[in-house]
Amino acid sequence: MARTRTADKAYHHGDLRSALLEAADGLLEDRGVEAFTLRECARRAGVSHAAPAHHFKDVRSLLTAVAAGAFQRITASMRACKAAASPDPLAQLQGAGEGYIAFALREPQHFYLMFRCSVVDTEDPELAASGREAFLELERPVAALHRVDDAMADDEGSIDAVLLWSLVHGFAHLYLDGRLSQRADLDAAALAERVIQRTLAALGANLPAGR
């Protein structure tokens, strides 16, 4: 297959990996993981079907890199929403939750992929590191709320961190699957905001004395 001039230039400048990842992102959003193939990624990147082997040994390897990139973007989404909020821990948790859900709604196929353990290599160092960094955006405000250094090392803090993650992750899946039509009067952002606010109000009210 003849390469496009842009793809050929990218390949010779050592950017084949980036070109393949860009093509993979587009293919995933267009067709989902079930119809994802290395051959189609190569075609979209304008390179031969054998070219991906220079960086990715198989489709699992490529999808793992795509998932790692998605975790980096969900982290950026949470950070952006937190930056727009007040420094109060509850406001920071609100921002983190809204940023998490906003990413899921913007990139649903990537969101689904990130947690598809059957199609990605969960032992991959880059994927593991990016996943941990994303979770920390939720965990750090919980730690601040409980006045501890590490929420996951604290009995109550760890429960609240899991609670918040379960809330925003579950909300995102339910909304994407069309299961929240009962409140069709609210768009996704408004509904998410109210759900998170109610949960955080209860969480804040139940903090132990002295915390």
N, C-alpha and C. Protein backbone atom coordinates (compact mmCIF):
# COMPACT_ATOMS: atom_id res chain seq x y z
N MET A 1 0.85 -1.19 0.00
CA MET A 1 0.00 0.00 0.00
C MET A 1 0.89 1.24 0.00
N ALA A 2 0.59 2.16 -0.86
CA ALA A 2 1.38 3.38 -0.92
C ALA A 2 1.05 4.28 0.26
N ARG A 3 2.07 4.83 0.88
CA ARG A 3 1.85 5.74 2.00
C ARG A 3 1.50 7.12 1.48
N THR A 4 0.73 7.86 2.29
CA THR A 4 0.52 9.26 1.97
C THR A 4 1.80 10.01 2.27
N ARG A 5 1.94 11.20 1.67
CA ARG A 5 3.16 11.98 1.89
C ARG A 5 3.33 12.30 3.38
N THR A 6 2.19 12.66 4.07
CA THR A 6 2.26 12.99 5.48
C THR A 6 2.69 11.80 6.31
N ALA A 7 2.08 10.64 6.05
CA ALA A 7 2.41 9.45 6.81
C ALA A 7 3.83 9.01 6.55
N ASP A 8 4.27 9.12 5.28
CA ASP A 8 5.63 8.73 4.92
C ASP A 8 6.63 9.60 5.66
N LYS A 9 6.34 10.92 5.72
CA LYS A 9 7.23 11.83 6.43
C LYS A 9 7.26 11.49 7.91
N ALA A 10 6.06 11.21 8.48
CA ALA A 10 5.99 10.86 9.89
C ALA A 10 6.80 9.61 10.19
N TYR A 11 6.70 8.62 9.29
CA TYR A 11 7.42 7.37 9.48
C TYR A 11 8.92 7.61 9.49
N HIS A 12 9.41 8.36 8.52
CA HIS A 12 10.85 8.58 8.41
C HIS A 12 11.40 9.48 9.51
N HIS A 13 10.52 10.25 10.14
CA HIS A 13 10.97 11.10 11.24
C HIS A 13 10.77 10.42 12.59
N GLY A 14 10.45 9.15 12.57
CA GLY A 14 10.30 8.42 13.81
C GLY A 14 8.98 8.62 14.51
N ASP A 15 7.96 9.10 13.80
CA ASP A 15 6.66 9.36 14.41
C ASP A 15 5.61 8.32 14.01
N LEU A 16 6.05 7.17 13.57
CA LEU A 16 5.10 6.13 13.20
C LEU A 16 4.20 5.77 14.36
N ARG A 17 4.77 5.68 15.56
CA ARG A 17 3.97 5.32 16.73
C ARG A 17 2.84 6.35 16.95
N SER A 18 3.20 7.62 16.87
CA SER A 18 2.19 8.67 17.06
C SER A 18 1.12 8.61 15.98
N ALA A 19 1.54 8.36 14.75
CA ALA A 19 0.59 8.29 13.64
C ALA A 19 -0.37 7.12 13.84
N LEU A 20 0.13 5.99 14.32
CA LEU A 20 -0.71 4.83 14.56
C LEU A 20 -1.67 5.06 15.72
N LEU A 21 -1.19 5.72 16.76
CA LEU A 21 -2.06 6.01 17.89
C LEU A 21 -3.18 6.98 17.50
N GLU A 22 -2.85 7.96 16.68
CA GLU A 22 -3.87 8.90 16.21
C GLU A 22 -4.92 8.17 15.37
N ALA A 23 -4.45 7.28 14.50
CA ALA A 23 -5.38 6.50 13.68
C ALA A 23 -6.22 5.58 14.56
N ALA A 24 -5.59 5.00 15.58
CA ALA A 24 -6.29 4.09 16.47
C ALA A 24 -7.38 4.82 17.26
N ASP A 25 -7.09 6.03 17.70
CA ASP A 25 -8.09 6.82 18.42
C ASP A 25 -9.33 7.05 17.55
N GLY A 26 -9.09 7.43 16.31
CA GLY A 26 -10.21 7.68 15.40
C GLY A 26 -11.00 6.42 15.10
N LEU A 27 -10.28 5.31 14.88
CA LEU A 27 -10.95 4.05 14.57
C LEU A 27 -11.79 3.58 15.75
N LEU A 28 -11.25 3.71 16.95
CA LEU A 28 -11.98 3.27 18.14
C LEU A 28 -13.27 4.07 18.29
N GLU A 29 -13.21 5.38 18.13
CA GLU A 29 -14.42 6.19 18.27
C GLU A 29 -15.44 5.88 17.17
N ASP A 30 -14.93 5.59 15.97
CA ASP A 30 -15.84 5.32 14.85
C ASP A 30 -16.51 3.96 14.93
N ARG A 31 -15.74 2.93 15.35
CA ARG A 31 -16.23 1.56 15.23
C ARG A 31 -16.28 0.79 16.54
N GLY A 32 -15.66 1.31 17.60
CA GLY A 32 -15.64 0.57 18.85
C GLY A 32 -14.59 -0.52 18.84
N VAL A 33 -14.38 -1.12 19.99
CA VAL A 33 -13.30 -2.10 20.12
C VAL A 33 -13.58 -3.39 19.37
N GLU A 34 -14.84 -3.74 19.20
CA GLU A 34 -15.18 -5.01 18.56
C GLU A 34 -14.75 -5.05 17.10
N ALA A 35 -14.73 -3.91 16.43
CA ALA A 35 -14.36 -3.86 15.01
C ALA A 35 -12.97 -3.28 14.81
N PHE A 36 -12.17 -3.26 15.86
CA PHE A 36 -10.84 -2.65 15.83
C PHE A 36 -9.83 -3.65 15.27
N THR A 37 -9.06 -3.24 14.24
CA THR A 37 -8.03 -4.11 13.68
C THR A 37 -6.76 -3.32 13.40
N LEU A 38 -5.62 -4.01 13.50
CA LEU A 38 -4.35 -3.38 13.16
C LEU A 38 -4.30 -2.99 11.70
N ARG A 39 -4.85 -3.81 10.85
CA ARG A 39 -4.82 -3.53 9.41
C ARG A 39 -5.53 -2.21 9.09
N GLU A 40 -6.69 -1.99 9.72
CA GLU A 40 -7.43 -0.77 9.46
C GLU A 40 -6.70 0.44 10.04
N CYS A 41 -6.05 0.26 11.19
CA CYS A 41 -5.25 1.36 11.75
C CYS A 41 -4.12 1.73 10.80
N ALA A 42 -3.47 0.72 10.26
CA ALA A 42 -2.37 0.97 9.32
C ALA A 42 -2.89 1.69 8.08
N ARG A 43 -4.06 1.27 7.59
CA ARG A 43 -4.62 1.92 6.41
C ARG A 43 -4.91 3.39 6.69
N ARG A 44 -5.48 3.67 7.86
CA ARG A 44 -5.80 5.05 8.21
C ARG A 44 -4.55 5.90 8.42
N ALA A 45 -3.49 5.26 8.88
CA ALA A 45 -2.23 5.99 9.09
C ALA A 45 -1.45 6.14 7.79
N GLY A 46 -1.89 5.44 6.74
CA GLY A 46 -1.23 5.54 5.44
C GLY A 46 0.06 4.76 5.36
N VAL A 47 0.15 3.64 6.11
CA VAL A 47 1.36 2.81 6.08
C VAL A 47 0.97 1.37 5.72
N SER A 48 1.95 0.55 5.46
CA SER A 48 1.68 -0.84 5.11
C SER A 48 1.11 -1.58 6.31
N HIS A 49 0.41 -2.68 6.02
CA HIS A 49 -0.22 -3.42 7.12
C HIS A 49 0.80 -4.05 8.06
N ALA A 50 2.05 -4.16 7.60
CA ALA A 50 3.10 -4.72 8.45
C ALA A 50 3.80 -3.67 9.32
N ALA A 51 3.61 -2.40 9.00
CA ALA A 51 4.32 -1.33 9.69
C ALA A 51 4.05 -1.26 11.20
N PRO A 52 2.82 -1.52 11.69
CA PRO A 52 2.59 -1.43 13.13
C PRO A 52 3.49 -2.32 13.97
N ALA A 53 3.99 -3.39 13.38
CA ALA A 53 4.86 -4.31 14.13
C ALA A 53 6.13 -3.65 14.62
N HIS A 54 6.49 -2.50 14.05
CA HIS A 54 7.68 -1.78 14.52
C HIS A 54 7.50 -1.28 15.95
N HIS A 55 6.23 -1.07 16.36
CA HIS A 55 5.96 -0.53 17.69
C HIS A 55 4.97 -1.36 18.50
N PHE A 56 4.10 -2.09 17.83
CA PHE A 56 3.06 -2.83 18.53
C PHE A 56 3.03 -4.27 18.00
N LYS A 57 3.24 -5.21 18.90
CA LYS A 57 3.36 -6.60 18.46
C LYS A 57 2.03 -7.20 18.04
N ASP A 58 0.93 -6.64 18.57
CA ASP A 58 -0.40 -7.14 18.22
C ASP A 58 -1.44 -6.08 18.56
N VAL A 59 -2.69 -6.40 18.30
CA VAL A 59 -3.76 -5.42 18.54
C VAL A 59 -3.90 -5.12 20.02
N ARG A 60 -3.64 -6.09 20.87
CA ARG A 60 -3.71 -5.88 22.31
C ARG A 60 -2.69 -4.83 22.75
N SER A 61 -1.52 -4.89 22.20
CA SER A 61 -0.47 -3.94 22.53
C SER A 61 -0.87 -2.52 22.13
N LEU A 62 -1.45 -2.38 20.95
CA LEU A 62 -1.88 -1.06 20.48
C LEU A 62 -3.04 -0.53 21.33
N LEU A 63 -4.02 -1.37 21.63
CA LEU A 63 -5.14 -0.94 22.45
C LEU A 63 -4.70 -0.57 23.86
N THR A 64 -3.68 -1.23 24.35
CA THR A 64 -3.14 -0.89 25.67
C THR A 64 -2.57 0.52 25.67
N ALA A 65 -1.84 0.86 24.61
CA ALA A 65 -1.29 2.22 24.49
C ALA A 65 -2.41 3.24 24.34
N VAL A 66 -3.45 2.90 23.61
CA VAL A 66 -4.60 3.80 23.45
C VAL A 66 -5.27 4.02 24.80
N ALA A 67 -5.43 2.96 25.57
CA ALA A 67 -6.05 3.07 26.89
C ALA A 67 -5.21 3.94 27.82
N ALA A 68 -3.89 3.79 27.76
CA ALA A 68 -3.01 4.62 28.59
C ALA A 68 -3.19 6.10 28.25
N GLY A 69 -3.28 6.40 26.97
CA GLY A 69 -3.52 7.78 26.55
C GLY A 69 -4.86 8.29 27.04
N ALA A 70 -5.87 7.42 27.06
CA ALA A 70 -7.19 7.81 27.53
C ALA A 70 -7.15 8.13 29.03
N PHE A 71 -6.41 7.35 29.79
CA PHE A 71 -6.27 7.64 31.22
C PHE A 71 -5.60 8.99 31.43
N GLN A 72 -4.65 9.31 30.58
CA GLN A 72 -3.99 10.63 30.70
C GLN A 72 -4.97 11.75 30.42
N ARG A 73 -5.88 11.53 29.48
CA ARG A 73 -6.86 12.58 29.16
C ARG A 73 -7.95 12.70 30.22
N ILE A 74 -8.32 11.59 30.84
CA ILE A 74 -9.32 11.71 31.91
C ILE A 74 -8.70 12.41 33.11
N THR A 75 -7.41 12.19 33.33
CA THR A 75 -6.71 12.91 34.39
C THR A 75 -6.72 14.41 34.09
N ALA A 76 -6.42 14.77 32.84
CA ALA A 76 -6.42 16.18 32.45
C ALA A 76 -7.81 16.79 32.61
N SER A 77 -8.85 16.03 32.30
CA SER A 77 -10.22 16.52 32.43
C SER A 77 -10.56 16.80 33.89
N MET A 78 -10.16 15.90 34.78
CA MET A 78 -10.41 16.11 36.21
C MET A 78 -9.62 17.31 36.72
N ARG A 79 -8.37 17.42 36.30
CA ARG A 79 -7.54 18.54 36.75
C ARG A 79 -8.12 19.88 36.29
N ALA A 80 -8.63 19.92 35.08
CA ALA A 80 -9.19 21.18 34.57
C ALA A 80 -10.41 21.60 35.38
N CYS A 81 -11.27 20.65 35.70
CA CYS A 81 -12.46 20.98 36.48
C CYS A 81 -12.10 21.35 37.91
N LYS A 82 -11.10 20.70 38.47
CA LYS A 82 -10.65 21.03 39.82
C LYS A 82 -10.03 22.43 39.86
N ALA A 83 -9.31 22.76 38.81
CA ALA A 83 -8.66 24.08 38.75
C ALA A 83 -9.69 25.20 38.72
N ALA A 84 -10.87 24.91 38.17
CA ALA A 84 -11.93 25.92 38.08
C ALA A 84 -12.76 26.01 39.36
N ALA A 85 -12.51 25.07 40.29
CA ALA A 85 -13.28 25.04 41.54
C ALA A 85 -12.49 25.70 42.67
N SER A 86 -13.16 25.95 43.77
CA SER A 86 -12.48 26.50 44.94
C SER A 86 -11.57 25.43 45.53
N PRO A 87 -10.61 25.83 46.37
CA PRO A 87 -9.68 24.86 46.95
C PRO A 87 -10.28 23.98 48.05
N ASP A 88 -11.51 24.27 48.47
CA ASP A 88 -12.16 23.46 49.48
C ASP A 88 -12.21 22.00 49.03
N PRO A 89 -11.89 21.03 49.90
CA PRO A 89 -11.86 19.62 49.49
C PRO A 89 -13.14 19.11 48.85
N LEU A 90 -14.29 19.54 49.39
CA LEU A 90 -15.55 19.09 48.80
C LEU A 90 -15.73 19.66 47.39
N ALA A 91 -15.34 20.91 47.18
CA ALA A 91 -15.42 21.50 45.85
C ALA A 91 -14.44 20.81 44.90
N GLN A 92 -13.29 20.43 45.41
CA GLN A 92 -12.32 19.71 44.60
C GLN A 92 -12.83 18.32 44.22
N LEU A 93 -13.52 17.68 45.14
CA LEU A 93 -14.13 16.39 44.83
C LEU A 93 -15.23 16.54 43.78
N GLN A 94 -16.02 17.59 43.91
CA GLN A 94 -17.06 17.87 42.92
C GLN A 94 -16.43 18.04 41.55
N GLY A 95 -15.35 18.83 41.48
CA GLY A 95 -14.68 19.04 40.20
C GLY A 95 -14.11 17.76 39.63
N ALA A 96 -13.49 16.96 40.49
CA ALA A 96 -12.91 15.71 40.01
C ALA A 96 -13.99 14.79 39.44
N GLY A 97 -15.11 14.70 40.16
CA GLY A 97 -16.20 13.85 39.69
C GLY A 97 -16.79 14.33 38.38
N GLU A 98 -17.01 15.64 38.27
CA GLU A 98 -17.57 16.18 37.03
C GLU A 98 -16.60 16.02 35.87
N GLY A 99 -15.30 16.19 36.14
CA GLY A 99 -14.32 15.99 35.08
C GLY A 99 -14.26 14.56 34.60
N TYR A 100 -14.41 13.63 35.52
CA TYR A 100 -14.41 12.19 35.19
C TYR A 100 -15.59 11.87 34.25
N ILE A 101 -16.76 12.34 34.65
CA ILE A 101 -17.95 12.06 33.85
C ILE A 101 -17.90 12.78 32.51
N ALA A 102 -17.39 14.02 32.50
CA ALA A 102 -17.31 14.77 31.25
C ALA A 102 -16.44 14.05 30.23
N PHE A 103 -15.32 13.48 30.69
CA PHE A 103 -14.48 12.73 29.76
C PHE A 103 -15.24 11.53 29.21
N ALA A 104 -15.89 10.79 30.08
CA ALA A 104 -16.61 9.59 29.64
C ALA A 104 -17.64 9.92 28.56
N LEU A 105 -18.32 11.05 28.72
CA LEU A 105 -19.34 11.43 27.74
C LEU A 105 -18.73 11.95 26.45
N ARG A 106 -17.54 12.54 26.53
CA ARG A 106 -16.85 13.03 25.32
C ARG A 106 -16.25 11.88 24.53
N GLU A 107 -15.71 10.89 25.22
CA GLU A 107 -14.99 9.79 24.56
C GLU A 107 -15.51 8.44 25.07
N PRO A 108 -16.75 8.13 24.75
CA PRO A 108 -17.35 6.91 25.32
C PRO A 108 -16.62 5.62 24.97
N GLN A 109 -16.17 5.49 23.73
CA GLN A 109 -15.50 4.25 23.36
C GLN A 109 -14.16 4.09 24.08
N HIS A 110 -13.47 5.20 24.28
CA HIS A 110 -12.22 5.14 25.04
C HIS A 110 -12.50 4.82 26.50
N PHE A 111 -13.58 5.39 27.03
CA PHE A 111 -13.95 5.12 28.41
C PHE A 111 -14.24 3.64 28.60
N TYR A 112 -14.98 3.04 27.69
CA TYR A 112 -15.25 1.61 27.78
C TYR A 112 -13.95 0.80 27.70
N LEU A 113 -13.08 1.20 26.79
CA LEU A 113 -11.82 0.46 26.59
C LEU A 113 -10.96 0.46 27.85
N MET A 114 -10.88 1.58 28.53
CA MET A 114 -9.97 1.73 29.67
C MET A 114 -10.16 0.65 30.72
N PHE A 115 -11.36 0.10 30.81
CA PHE A 115 -11.65 -0.88 31.85
C PHE A 115 -12.00 -2.26 31.28
N ARG A 116 -11.63 -2.46 30.00
CA ARG A 116 -11.85 -3.76 29.37
C ARG A 116 -10.60 -4.62 29.56
N CYS A 117 -10.50 -5.27 30.69
CA CYS A 117 -9.30 -6.04 31.02
C CYS A 117 -9.04 -7.17 30.02
N SER A 118 -10.06 -7.60 29.31
CA SER A 118 -9.90 -8.71 28.38
C SER A 118 -9.19 -8.31 27.10
N VAL A 119 -9.09 -7.01 26.80
CA VAL A 119 -8.49 -6.59 25.53
C VAL A 119 -7.26 -5.72 25.71
N VAL A 120 -6.90 -5.40 26.95
CA VAL A 120 -5.69 -4.62 27.20
C VAL A 120 -4.79 -5.38 28.16
N ASP A 121 -3.51 -5.01 28.18
CA ASP A 121 -2.54 -5.65 29.07
C ASP A 121 -2.49 -4.86 30.38
N THR A 122 -3.17 -5.36 31.39
CA THR A 122 -3.26 -4.64 32.66
C THR A 122 -1.92 -4.60 33.39
N GLU A 123 -0.95 -5.40 32.96
CA GLU A 123 0.37 -5.39 33.59
C GLU A 123 1.32 -4.40 32.91
N ASP A 124 0.87 -3.76 31.85
CA ASP A 124 1.73 -2.81 31.14
C ASP A 124 2.08 -1.63 32.05
N PRO A 125 3.36 -1.29 32.20
CA PRO A 125 3.76 -0.21 33.13
C PRO A 125 3.13 1.15 32.81
N GLU A 126 3.07 1.51 31.53
CA GLU A 126 2.50 2.80 31.16
C GLU A 126 1.02 2.86 31.49
N LEU A 127 0.31 1.79 31.20
CA LEU A 127 -1.12 1.76 31.50
C LEU A 127 -1.35 1.80 33.01
N ALA A 128 -0.57 1.03 33.75
CA ALA A 128 -0.73 1.00 35.20
C ALA A 128 -0.44 2.37 35.81
N ALA A 129 0.61 3.02 35.34
CA ALA A 129 0.98 4.34 35.89
C ALA A 129 -0.07 5.38 35.57
N SER A 130 -0.58 5.39 34.35
CA SER A 130 -1.59 6.38 33.98
C SER A 130 -2.90 6.14 34.72
N GLY A 131 -3.22 4.88 34.97
CA GLY A 131 -4.42 4.57 35.74
C GLY A 131 -4.30 5.02 37.19
N ARG A 132 -3.13 4.81 37.78
CA ARG A 132 -2.90 5.27 39.16
C ARG A 132 -3.00 6.79 39.25
N GLU A 133 -2.42 7.49 38.28
CA GLU A 133 -2.45 8.95 38.30
C GLU A 133 -3.88 9.47 38.20
N ALA A 134 -4.70 8.80 37.40
CA ALA A 134 -6.10 9.21 37.29
C ALA A 134 -6.83 9.02 38.63
N PHE A 135 -6.61 7.89 39.26
CA PHE A 135 -7.29 7.64 40.54
C PHE A 135 -6.85 8.64 41.61
N LEU A 136 -5.59 9.06 41.56
CA LEU A 136 -5.09 10.02 42.53
C LEU A 136 -5.84 11.35 42.47
N GLU A 137 -6.37 11.71 41.29
CA GLU A 137 -7.13 12.95 41.18
C GLU A 137 -8.42 12.88 42.00
N LEU A 138 -8.93 11.68 42.20
CA LEU A 138 -10.08 11.49 43.07
C LEU A 138 -9.65 11.31 44.52
N GLU A 139 -8.54 10.63 44.71
CA GLU A 139 -8.09 10.26 46.06
C GLU A 139 -7.55 11.45 46.85
N ARG A 140 -6.83 12.35 46.20
CA ARG A 140 -6.19 13.45 46.92
C ARG A 140 -7.19 14.37 47.64
N PRO A 141 -8.30 14.77 47.00
CA PRO A 141 -9.26 15.59 47.74
C PRO A 141 -9.89 14.84 48.92
N VAL A 142 -10.04 13.53 48.77
CA VAL A 142 -10.56 12.73 49.89
C VAL A 142 -9.57 12.77 51.05
N ALA A 143 -8.28 12.64 50.73
CA ALA A 143 -7.25 12.72 51.76
C ALA A 143 -7.29 14.08 52.46
N ALA A 144 -7.46 15.14 51.67
CA ALA A 144 -7.54 16.48 52.26
C ALA A 144 -8.76 16.62 53.15
N LEU A 145 -9.87 16.04 52.73
CA LEU A 145 -11.10 16.10 53.50
C LEU A 145 -10.93 15.41 54.86
N HIS A 146 -10.21 14.29 54.84
CA HIS A 146 -10.00 13.52 56.07
C HIS A 146 -8.74 13.95 56.83
N ARG A 147 -8.03 14.91 56.26
CA ARG A 147 -6.81 15.42 56.88
C ARG A 147 -5.78 14.31 57.11
N VAL A 148 -5.59 13.51 56.06
CA VAL A 148 -4.57 12.46 56.09
C VAL A 148 -3.72 12.58 54.84
N ASP A 149 -2.55 11.97 54.86
CA ASP A 149 -1.67 12.03 53.70
C ASP A 149 -2.11 11.08 52.59
N ASP A 150 -2.66 9.95 52.96
CA ASP A 150 -3.03 8.91 52.00
C ASP A 150 -4.40 8.38 52.36
N ALA A 151 -5.41 8.74 51.56
CA ALA A 151 -6.77 8.31 51.86
C ALA A 151 -6.90 6.79 51.86
N MET A 152 -6.16 6.12 50.98
CA MET A 152 -6.30 4.67 50.87
C MET A 152 -5.66 3.94 52.04
N ALA A 153 -4.84 4.63 52.82
CA ALA A 153 -4.25 4.02 54.02
C ALA A 153 -5.08 4.33 55.26
N ASP A 154 -6.16 5.06 55.06
CA ASP A 154 -7.04 5.45 56.16
C ASP A 154 -8.36 4.69 56.01
N ASP A 155 -8.86 4.14 57.11
CA ASP A 155 -10.06 3.29 57.03
C ASP A 155 -11.24 4.04 56.43
N GLU A 156 -11.60 5.19 57.00
CA GLU A 156 -12.74 5.94 56.49
C GLU A 156 -12.43 6.60 55.16
N GLY A 157 -11.21 7.08 55.01
CA GLY A 157 -10.83 7.74 53.76
C GLY A 157 -10.90 6.80 52.58
N SER A 158 -10.47 5.56 52.78
CA SER A 158 -10.48 4.60 51.67
C SER A 158 -11.91 4.28 51.25
N ILE A 159 -12.81 4.21 52.22
CA ILE A 159 -14.22 3.96 51.89
C ILE A 159 -14.78 5.11 51.07
N ASP A 160 -14.47 6.33 51.46
CA ASP A 160 -14.99 7.49 50.73
C ASP A 160 -14.39 7.60 49.33
N ALA A 161 -13.11 7.24 49.19
CA ALA A 161 -12.49 7.26 47.85
C ALA A 161 -13.18 6.25 46.94
N VAL A 162 -13.43 5.06 47.46
CA VAL A 162 -14.13 4.04 46.67
C VAL A 162 -15.56 4.48 46.38
N LEU A 163 -16.20 5.11 47.37
CA LEU A 163 -17.56 5.61 47.18
C LEU A 163 -17.63 6.59 46.02
N LEU A 164 -16.72 7.57 46.00
CA LEU A 164 -16.76 8.58 44.95
C LEU A 164 -16.47 7.96 43.58
N TRP A 165 -15.48 7.08 43.52
CA TRP A 165 -15.16 6.44 42.24
C TRP A 165 -16.36 5.62 41.75
N SER A 166 -16.95 4.86 42.66
CA SER A 166 -18.11 4.04 42.28
C SER A 166 -19.24 4.93 41.76
N LEU A 167 -19.43 6.07 42.42
CA LEU A 167 -20.50 6.98 42.02
C LEU A 167 -20.30 7.50 40.61
N VAL A 168 -19.13 8.10 40.34
CA VAL A 168 -18.94 8.74 39.04
C VAL A 168 -18.78 7.71 37.92
N HIS A 169 -18.14 6.59 38.24
CA HIS A 169 -17.97 5.55 37.22
C HIS A 169 -19.32 4.92 36.87
N GLY A 170 -20.08 4.62 37.91
CA GLY A 170 -21.40 4.03 37.67
C GLY A 170 -22.33 4.99 36.94
N PHE A 171 -22.30 6.27 37.33
CA PHE A 171 -23.14 7.27 36.66
C PHE A 171 -22.79 7.32 35.17
N ALA A 172 -21.49 7.37 34.87
CA ALA A 172 -21.06 7.47 33.47
C ALA A 172 -21.58 6.29 32.66
N HIS A 173 -21.44 5.10 33.19
CA HIS A 173 -21.91 3.91 32.46
C HIS A 173 -23.43 3.92 32.30
N LEU A 174 -24.14 4.25 33.35
CA LEU A 174 -25.60 4.27 33.27
C LEU A 174 -26.08 5.30 32.25
N TYR A 175 -25.45 6.47 32.23
CA TYR A 175 -25.86 7.50 31.29
C TYR A 175 -25.55 7.09 29.86
N LEU A 176 -24.34 6.56 29.65
CA LEU A 176 -23.96 6.15 28.30
C LEU A 176 -24.83 5.00 27.79
N ASP A 177 -25.30 4.17 28.69
CA ASP A 177 -26.15 3.04 28.30
C ASP A 177 -27.63 3.42 28.22
N GLY A 178 -27.93 4.71 28.39
CA GLY A 178 -29.30 5.17 28.26
C GLY A 178 -30.22 4.76 29.39
N ARG A 179 -29.65 4.54 30.59
CA ARG A 179 -30.44 4.04 31.72
C ARG A 179 -30.94 5.14 32.65
N LEU A 180 -30.66 6.40 32.34
CA LEU A 180 -31.06 7.49 33.23
C LEU A 180 -32.10 8.40 32.59
N SER A 181 -32.94 7.82 31.78
CA SER A 181 -33.95 8.60 31.06
C SER A 181 -35.03 9.15 32.00
N GLN A 182 -35.07 8.67 33.25
CA GLN A 182 -36.09 9.15 34.19
C GLN A 182 -35.97 10.64 34.44
N ARG A 183 -34.76 11.18 34.29
CA ARG A 183 -34.57 12.62 34.47
C ARG A 183 -34.16 13.25 33.14
N ALA A 184 -35.00 13.07 32.16
CA ALA A 184 -34.73 13.62 30.83
C ALA A 184 -34.81 15.14 30.82
N ASP A 185 -35.33 15.72 31.92
CA ASP A 185 -35.41 17.18 32.00
C ASP A 185 -34.05 17.80 32.28
N LEU A 186 -33.07 16.98 32.68
CA LEU A 186 -31.73 17.47 32.98
C LEU A 186 -30.74 16.87 31.98
N ASP A 187 -29.82 17.71 31.48
CA ASP A 187 -28.79 17.14 30.63
C ASP A 187 -27.77 16.43 31.50
N ALA A 188 -26.82 15.77 30.87
CA ALA A 188 -25.87 14.92 31.61
C ALA A 188 -25.09 15.72 32.65
N ALA A 189 -24.60 16.89 32.26
CA ALA A 189 -23.78 17.69 33.17
C ALA A 189 -24.58 18.15 34.38
N ALA A 190 -25.80 18.60 34.15
CA ALA A 190 -26.64 19.08 35.25
C ALA A 190 -27.03 17.94 36.18
N LEU A 191 -27.36 16.80 35.62
CA LEU A 191 -27.73 15.65 36.43
C LEU A 191 -26.54 15.17 37.25
N ALA A 192 -25.37 15.09 36.61
CA ALA A 192 -24.16 14.66 37.32
C ALA A 192 -23.84 15.61 38.46
N GLU A 193 -23.97 16.91 38.20
CA GLU A 193 -23.67 17.90 39.23
C GLU A 193 -24.54 17.71 40.46
N ARG A 194 -25.82 17.49 40.25
CA ARG A 194 -26.74 17.35 41.38
C ARG A 194 -26.52 16.04 42.12
N VAL A 195 -26.25 14.98 41.40
CA VAL A 195 -26.01 13.68 42.04
C VAL A 195 -24.75 13.75 42.91
N ILE A 196 -23.69 14.32 42.36
CA ILE A 196 -22.44 14.42 43.11
C ILE A 196 -22.61 15.34 44.32
N GLN A 197 -23.31 16.46 44.14
CA GLN A 197 -23.52 17.40 45.25
C GLN A 197 -24.23 16.73 46.41
N ARG A 198 -25.27 15.96 46.13
CA ARG A 198 -26.01 15.29 47.20
C ARG A 198 -25.14 14.28 47.92
N THR A 199 -24.34 13.55 47.17
CA THR A 199 -23.46 12.56 47.79
C THR A 199 -22.41 13.23 48.67
N LEU A 200 -21.83 14.31 48.16
CA LEU A 200 -20.78 14.99 48.92
C LEU A 200 -21.35 15.71 50.14
N ALA A 201 -22.58 16.18 50.06
CA ALA A 201 -23.20 16.81 51.22
C ALA A 201 -23.34 15.79 52.34
N ALA A 202 -23.77 14.58 51.98
CA ALA A 202 -23.90 13.53 52.99
C ALA A 202 -22.54 13.11 53.52
N LEU A 203 -21.57 13.04 52.62
CA LEU A 203 -20.22 12.66 53.03
C LEU A 203 -19.65 13.67 54.01
N GLY A 204 -19.77 14.95 53.68
CA GLY A 204 -19.23 15.99 54.56
C GLY A 204 -19.92 16.01 55.91
N ALA A 205 -21.23 15.77 55.93
CA ALA A 205 -22.00 15.81 57.18
C ALA A 205 -21.65 14.66 58.09
N ASN A 206 -21.12 13.58 57.53
CA ASN A 206 -20.82 12.39 58.32
C ASN A 206 -19.36 12.22 58.68
N LEU A 207 -18.56 13.26 58.43
CA LEU A 207 -17.16 13.18 58.82
C LEU A 207 -17.05 13.11 60.34
N PRO A 208 -16.13 12.29 60.84
CA PRO A 208 -15.95 12.19 62.29
C PRO A 208 -15.54 13.55 62.88
N ALA A 209 -15.86 13.78 64.12
CA ALA A 209 -15.47 15.00 64.79
C ALA A 209 -13.96 15.15 64.79
N GLY A 210 -13.51 16.38 64.54
CA GLY A 210 -12.06 16.62 64.52
C GLY A 210 -11.44 16.47 63.15
N ARG A 211 -12.27 16.04 62.17
CA ARG A 211 -11.75 15.90 60.81
C ARG A 211 -12.36 16.98 59.92
